[in-house]
Amino acid sequence: MVLACKVIEAILVESRPALSPCYYYDDVFSELDTKRRKQLVSFLQSYQSFVTTTDADIVSKQIT
């Protein structure tokens, strides 16, 4: 639920002119299945974001 709120927040903030915030997602991939990881990575490509993880292999597979 929190992730959904962060996605909505990103969309709303980006709709305002001259605002381009940076988003931070802490270990979000550990809670998602493969399909939702890919969807999140696809969404985040439009935004300046930092994503932390405890499993770098998961991230590298999703980004490539």
N, C-alpha and C. Protein backbone atom coordinates (compact mmCIF):
# COMPACT_ATOMS: atom_id res chain seq x y z
N MET A 1 0.82 -1.18 0.00
CA MET A 1 0.00 0.00 0.00
C MET A 1 0.87 1.26 0.00
N VAL A 2 1.95 1.21 0.76
CA VAL A 2 2.84 2.36 0.82
C VAL A 2 3.48 2.62 -0.54
N LEU A 3 3.86 1.56 -1.23
CA LEU A 3 4.46 1.71 -2.55
C LEU A 3 3.46 2.35 -3.52
N ALA A 4 2.21 1.93 -3.47
CA ALA A 4 1.18 2.52 -4.33
C ALA A 4 1.05 4.02 -4.05
N CYS A 5 1.11 4.40 -2.79
CA CYS A 5 1.03 5.82 -2.43
C CYS A 5 2.24 6.59 -2.96
N LYS A 6 3.43 5.98 -2.90
CA LYS A 6 4.62 6.65 -3.43
C LYS A 6 4.54 6.84 -4.95
N VAL A 7 3.98 5.87 -5.65
CA VAL A 7 3.82 5.98 -7.10
C VAL A 7 2.84 7.11 -7.43
N ILE A 8 1.74 7.16 -6.71
CA ILE A 8 0.76 8.23 -6.92
C ILE A 8 1.38 9.58 -6.59
N GLU A 9 2.16 9.64 -5.53
CA GLU A 9 2.84 10.88 -5.17
C GLU A 9 3.77 11.34 -6.29
N ALA A 10 4.51 10.44 -6.86
CA ALA A 10 5.42 10.78 -7.96
C ALA A 10 4.66 11.36 -9.14
N ILE A 11 3.54 10.75 -9.48
CA ILE A 11 2.74 11.23 -10.60
C ILE A 11 2.19 12.63 -10.32
N LEU A 12 1.68 12.85 -9.12
CA LEU A 12 1.11 14.15 -8.76
C LEU A 12 2.17 15.25 -8.72
N VAL A 13 3.32 14.95 -8.12
CA VAL A 13 4.37 15.96 -8.00
C VAL A 13 4.93 16.31 -9.38
N GLU A 14 5.13 15.34 -10.22
CA GLU A 14 5.67 15.58 -11.56
C GLU A 14 4.71 16.39 -12.44
N SER A 15 3.43 16.39 -12.10
CA SER A 15 2.46 17.15 -12.89
C SER A 15 2.58 18.65 -12.62
N ARG A 16 3.28 19.03 -11.56
CA ARG A 16 3.49 20.44 -11.25
C ARG A 16 4.71 20.95 -12.01
N PRO A 17 4.60 22.08 -12.66
CA PRO A 17 5.75 22.61 -13.40
C PRO A 17 6.93 22.95 -12.46
N ALA A 18 8.10 22.75 -12.95
CA ALA A 18 9.35 23.11 -12.27
C ALA A 18 9.65 22.25 -11.04
N LEU A 19 8.97 21.14 -10.85
CA LEU A 19 9.27 20.25 -9.75
C LEU A 19 9.79 18.92 -10.30
N SER A 20 10.94 18.54 -9.81
CA SER A 20 11.51 17.27 -10.22
C SER A 20 12.22 16.64 -9.02
N PRO A 21 11.45 16.07 -8.11
CA PRO A 21 12.05 15.51 -6.90
C PRO A 21 12.80 14.21 -7.16
N CYS A 22 13.57 13.82 -6.19
CA CYS A 22 14.28 12.56 -6.21
C CYS A 22 13.58 11.63 -5.23
N TYR A 23 13.31 10.40 -5.64
CA TYR A 23 12.61 9.44 -4.80
C TYR A 23 13.58 8.38 -4.29
N TYR A 24 13.32 7.92 -3.09
CA TYR A 24 14.16 6.92 -2.43
C TYR A 24 13.28 5.74 -2.04
N TYR A 25 13.61 4.56 -2.53
CA TYR A 25 12.86 3.35 -2.22
C TYR A 25 13.81 2.38 -1.52
N ASP A 26 13.51 2.05 -0.28
CA ASP A 26 14.39 1.22 0.53
C ASP A 26 13.94 -0.24 0.49
N ASP A 27 14.75 -1.10 -0.11
CA ASP A 27 14.55 -2.54 -0.17
C ASP A 27 13.15 -2.93 -0.66
N VAL A 28 12.68 -2.23 -1.67
CA VAL A 28 11.33 -2.47 -2.18
C VAL A 28 11.23 -3.76 -2.99
N PHE A 29 12.29 -4.19 -3.63
CA PHE A 29 12.23 -5.38 -4.48
C PHE A 29 12.03 -6.67 -3.70
N SER A 30 12.43 -6.71 -2.45
CA SER A 30 12.28 -7.93 -1.67
C SER A 30 10.82 -8.27 -1.41
N GLU A 31 9.95 -7.29 -1.53
CA GLU A 31 8.53 -7.50 -1.25
C GLU A 31 7.70 -7.75 -2.52
N LEU A 32 8.33 -7.69 -3.68
CA LEU A 32 7.59 -7.79 -4.94
C LEU A 32 7.94 -9.07 -5.71
N ASP A 33 6.98 -9.56 -6.47
CA ASP A 33 7.26 -10.69 -7.35
C ASP A 33 7.89 -10.15 -8.64
N THR A 34 8.31 -11.04 -9.52
CA THR A 34 9.04 -10.66 -10.73
C THR A 34 8.25 -9.70 -11.61
N LYS A 35 6.99 -9.98 -11.81
CA LYS A 35 6.15 -9.13 -12.66
C LYS A 35 6.08 -7.70 -12.12
N ARG A 36 5.85 -7.57 -10.83
CA ARG A 36 5.73 -6.24 -10.23
C ARG A 36 7.08 -5.52 -10.14
N ARG A 37 8.16 -6.27 -10.00
CA ARG A 37 9.49 -5.64 -10.05
C ARG A 37 9.72 -5.00 -11.41
N LYS A 38 9.39 -5.74 -12.46
CA LYS A 38 9.57 -5.19 -13.81
C LYS A 38 8.69 -3.96 -14.03
N GLN A 39 7.46 -4.00 -13.52
CA GLN A 39 6.57 -2.85 -13.66
C GLN A 39 7.12 -1.64 -12.91
N LEU A 40 7.65 -1.86 -11.72
CA LEU A 40 8.21 -0.76 -10.95
C LEU A 40 9.44 -0.18 -11.64
N VAL A 41 10.33 -1.04 -12.12
CA VAL A 41 11.53 -0.55 -12.83
C VAL A 41 11.13 0.25 -14.06
N SER A 42 10.14 -0.21 -14.78
CA SER A 42 9.66 0.50 -15.96
C SER A 42 9.11 1.88 -15.57
N PHE A 43 8.35 1.91 -14.49
CA PHE A 43 7.79 3.18 -14.01
C PHE A 43 8.89 4.14 -13.56
N LEU A 44 9.85 3.64 -12.82
CA LEU A 44 10.90 4.49 -12.24
C LEU A 44 11.86 5.06 -13.27
N GLN A 45 11.90 4.51 -14.46
CA GLN A 45 12.80 5.03 -15.49
C GLN A 45 12.49 6.48 -15.85
N SER A 46 11.28 6.92 -15.57
CA SER A 46 10.88 8.30 -15.86
C SER A 46 11.25 9.27 -14.75
N TYR A 47 11.71 8.76 -13.62
CA TYR A 47 11.94 9.58 -12.44
C TYR A 47 13.36 9.40 -11.91
N GLN A 48 13.86 10.45 -11.26
CA GLN A 48 15.14 10.34 -10.59
C GLN A 48 14.91 9.59 -9.29
N SER A 49 15.49 8.41 -9.15
CA SER A 49 15.20 7.56 -8.01
C SER A 49 16.45 6.84 -7.52
N PHE A 50 16.44 6.54 -6.23
CA PHE A 50 17.44 5.68 -5.62
C PHE A 50 16.70 4.49 -5.05
N VAL A 51 17.19 3.30 -5.35
CA VAL A 51 16.58 2.08 -4.85
C VAL A 51 17.66 1.27 -4.16
N THR A 52 17.41 0.91 -2.90
CA THR A 52 18.36 0.05 -2.19
C THR A 52 17.81 -1.37 -2.19
N THR A 53 18.73 -2.32 -2.08
CA THR A 53 18.33 -3.72 -2.04
C THR A 53 19.37 -4.53 -1.31
N THR A 54 18.96 -5.67 -0.82
CA THR A 54 19.90 -6.58 -0.18
C THR A 54 20.34 -7.67 -1.15
N ASP A 55 19.76 -7.70 -2.34
CA ASP A 55 20.08 -8.72 -3.34
C ASP A 55 20.30 -8.06 -4.70
N ALA A 56 21.55 -7.75 -5.01
CA ALA A 56 21.88 -7.04 -6.25
C ALA A 56 21.52 -7.86 -7.49
N ASP A 57 21.50 -9.18 -7.40
CA ASP A 57 21.16 -10.00 -8.55
C ASP A 57 19.72 -9.77 -9.01
N ILE A 58 18.83 -9.54 -8.09
CA ILE A 58 17.43 -9.25 -8.44
C ILE A 58 17.36 -7.98 -9.28
N VAL A 59 18.03 -6.97 -8.85
CA VAL A 59 17.98 -5.67 -9.55
C VAL A 59 18.63 -5.77 -10.92
N SER A 60 19.77 -6.38 -11.01
CA SER A 60 20.47 -6.45 -12.29
C SER A 60 19.65 -7.22 -13.31
N LYS A 61 18.92 -8.23 -12.90
CA LYS A 61 18.06 -8.98 -13.82
C LYS A 61 16.88 -8.15 -14.29
N GLN A 62 16.37 -7.26 -13.45
CA GLN A 62 15.20 -6.46 -13.79
C GLN A 62 15.56 -5.27 -14.68
N ILE A 63 16.74 -4.74 -14.51
CA ILE A 63 17.13 -3.54 -15.25
C ILE A 63 17.56 -3.86 -16.68
N THR A 64 18.19 -4.99 -16.90
CA THR A 64 18.68 -5.32 -18.23
C THR A 64 17.59 -5.77 -19.15
